Amino acid sequence: MYTQDSIYFFIYLAHINARIKYSKAV
């Protein structure tokens, strides 16, 4: 069972991970 906060937390982690991969690619 996921709360709304945990869903936002997973989205936040995915966003950070994407930014790290993008900055490394550039």
Protein backbone atom coordinates (compact mmCIF):
# COMPACT_ATOMS: atom_id res chain seq x y z
CA MET A 1 0.00 0.00 0.00
CA TYR A 2 1.49 3.31 -1.05
CA THR A 3 0.64 6.64 0.48
CA GLN A 4 0.60 9.76 -1.65
CA ASP A 5 3.82 10.94 0.00
CA SER A 6 5.70 7.77 -0.92
CA ILE A 7 4.55 8.09 -4.53
CA TYR A 8 5.92 11.63 -4.69
CA PHE A 9 9.12 10.36 -3.08
CA PHE A 10 9.60 7.74 -5.79
CA ILE A 11 8.96 10.36 -8.47
CA TYR A 12 11.53 12.60 -6.78
CA LEU A 13 14.13 9.82 -6.75
CA ALA A 14 13.47 9.02 -10.41
CA HIS A 15 13.83 12.70 -11.27
CA ILE A 16 17.18 12.98 -9.47
CA ASN A 17 18.40 9.76 -11.11
CA ALA A 18 17.46 11.11 -14.54
CA ARG A 19 19.28 14.39 -13.88
CA ILE A 20 22.42 12.53 -12.81
CA LYS A 21 22.37 10.35 -15.93
CA TYR A 22 21.77 13.43 -18.11
CA SER A 23 24.61 15.42 -16.57
CA LYS A 24 26.97 12.45 -16.98
CA ALA A 25 25.94 12.02 -20.61
CA VAL A 26 26.72 15.69 -21.26
